[in-house]
């Protein structure tokens, strides 16, 4: 069963994916997408987005 909040975050993730089409490689958008994916329980996808961001921005509080 999908909880209502998970459905909302899936819709949010879809919206962030669309935003990335307009602004590819925008770290703010990528971070928000990762957060939405994390909230849906898709931890692997969230980590796949955040890991490269953290490697390229090791001092960023936003991704660490």
C-alpha atoms as a PDB file:
ATOM      1  CA  UNK A   1       0.000   0.000   0.000  1.00  0.00           C
ATOM      2  CA  UNK A   2       1.348   3.432  -0.945  1.00  0.00           C
ATOM      3  CA  UNK A   3       0.879   6.058   1.713  1.00  0.00           C
ATOM      4  CA  UNK A   4      -0.591   9.377   0.649  1.00  0.00           C
ATOM      5  CA  UNK A   5       2.642  11.200   1.537  1.00  0.00           C
ATOM      6  CA  UNK A   6       4.677   8.808  -0.626  1.00  0.00           C
ATOM      7  CA  UNK A   7       2.400   9.534  -3.583  1.00  0.00           C
ATOM      8  CA  UNK A   8       2.896  13.267  -3.071  1.00  0.00           C
ATOM      9  CA  UNK A   9       6.676  12.837  -3.014  1.00  0.00           C
ATOM     10  CA  UNK A  10       6.554  10.696  -6.168  1.00  0.00           C
ATOM     11  CA  UNK A  11       4.696  13.508  -7.901  1.00  0.00           C
ATOM     12  CA  UNK A  12       7.250  15.955  -6.541  1.00  0.00           C
ATOM     13  CA  UNK A  13      10.108  13.793  -7.854  1.00  0.00           C
ATOM     14  CA  UNK A  14       8.477  13.783 -11.286  1.00  0.00           C
ATOM     15  CA  UNK A  15       8.280  17.580 -11.198  1.00  0.00           C
ATOM     16  CA  UNK A  16      11.970  17.852 -10.212  1.00  0.00           C
ATOM     17  CA  UNK A  17      12.900  15.513 -13.073  1.00  0.00           C
ATOM     18  CA  UNK A  18      11.078  17.851 -15.452  1.00  0.00           C
ATOM     19  CA  UNK A  19      12.940  20.804 -13.946  1.00  0.00           C
ATOM     20  CA  UNK A  20      16.244  19.032 -14.585  1.00  0.00           C
ATOM     21  CA  UNK A  21      15.372  18.865 -18.273  1.00  0.00           C
ATOM     22  CA  UNK A  22      15.278  22.667 -18.270  1.00  0.00           C
ATOM     23  CA  UNK A  23      18.347  23.116 -16.080  1.00  0.00           C
ATOM     24  CA  UNK A  24      20.552  20.027 -16.359  1.00  0.00           C
ATOM     25  CA  UNK A  25      23.146  19.546 -13.628  1.00  0.00           C
ATOM     26  CA  UNK A  26      21.630  22.188 -11.359  1.00  0.00           C
ATOM     27  CA  UNK A  27      22.765  21.059  -7.900  1.00  0.00           C
ATOM     28  CA  UNK A  28      19.784  22.647  -6.165  1.00  0.00           C
ATOM     29  CA  UNK A  29      17.321  20.793  -8.346  1.00  0.00           C
ATOM     30  CA  UNK A  30      19.284  17.574  -8.033  1.00  0.00           C
ATOM     31  CA  UNK A  31      19.273  17.906  -4.250  1.00  0.00           C
ATOM     32  CA  UNK A  32      15.527  18.469  -4.155  1.00  0.00           C
ATOM     33  CA  UNK A  33      14.981  15.471  -6.439  1.00  0.00           C
ATOM     34  CA  UNK A  34      17.125  13.326  -4.148  1.00  0.00           C
ATOM     35  CA  UNK A  35      15.132  14.479  -1.120  1.00  0.00           C
ATOM     36  CA  UNK A  36      11.851  13.604  -2.820  1.00  0.00           C
ATOM     37  CA  UNK A  37      13.192  10.189  -3.828  1.00  0.00           C
ATOM     38  CA  UNK A  38      14.390   9.568  -0.287  1.00  0.00           C
ATOM     39  CA  UNK A  39      10.906  10.339   1.012  1.00  0.00           C
ATOM     40  CA  UNK A  40       9.405   7.764  -1.357  1.00  0.00           C
ATOM     41  CA  UNK A  41      11.811   5.141  -0.051  1.00  0.00           C
ATOM     42  CA  UNK A  42      13.944   5.055  -3.209  1.00  0.00           C
ATOM     43  CA  UNK A  43      17.164   5.384  -1.256  1.00  0.00           C
ATOM     44  CA  UNK A  44      19.396   3.972  -3.986  1.00  0.00           C
ATOM     45  CA  UNK A  45      18.248   6.586  -6.500  1.00  0.00           C
ATOM     46  CA  UNK A  46      18.635   9.373  -3.944  1.00  0.00           C
ATOM     47  CA  UNK A  47      22.150   8.224  -3.106  1.00  0.00           C
ATOM     48  CA  UNK A  48      23.075   7.967  -6.794  1.00  0.00           C
ATOM     49  CA  UNK A  49      22.241  11.659  -7.139  1.00  0.00           C
ATOM     50  CA  UNK A  50      23.788  12.863  -3.887  1.00  0.00           C
ATOM     51  CA  UNK A  51      27.064  10.939  -3.966  1.00  0.00           C
ATOM     52  CA  UNK A  52      28.537  12.751  -7.016  1.00  0.00           C
ATOM     53  CA  UNK A  53      27.291  16.087  -5.651  1.00  0.00           C
ATOM     54  CA  UNK A  54      29.064  15.441  -2.360  1.00  0.00           C
ATOM     55  CA  UNK A  55      32.255  14.382  -4.136  1.00  0.00           C
ATOM     56  CA  UNK A  56      32.305  17.562  -6.242  1.00  0.00           C
ATOM     57  CA  UNK A  57      31.250  19.812  -3.353  1.00  0.00           C
ATOM     58  CA  UNK A  58      32.806  18.300  -0.218  1.00  0.00           C
ATOM     59  CA  UNK A  59      32.228  21.433   1.882  1.00  0.00           C
ATOM     60  CA  UNK A  60      28.585  21.864   0.936  1.00  0.00           C
ATOM     61  CA  UNK A  61      26.174  21.540   3.845  1.00  0.00           C
ATOM     62  CA  UNK A  62      23.400  21.051   1.299  1.00  0.00           C
ATOM     63  CA  UNK A  63      24.629  17.600   0.207  1.00  0.00           C
ATOM     64  CA  UNK A  64      26.692  16.405   3.158  1.00  0.00           C
END
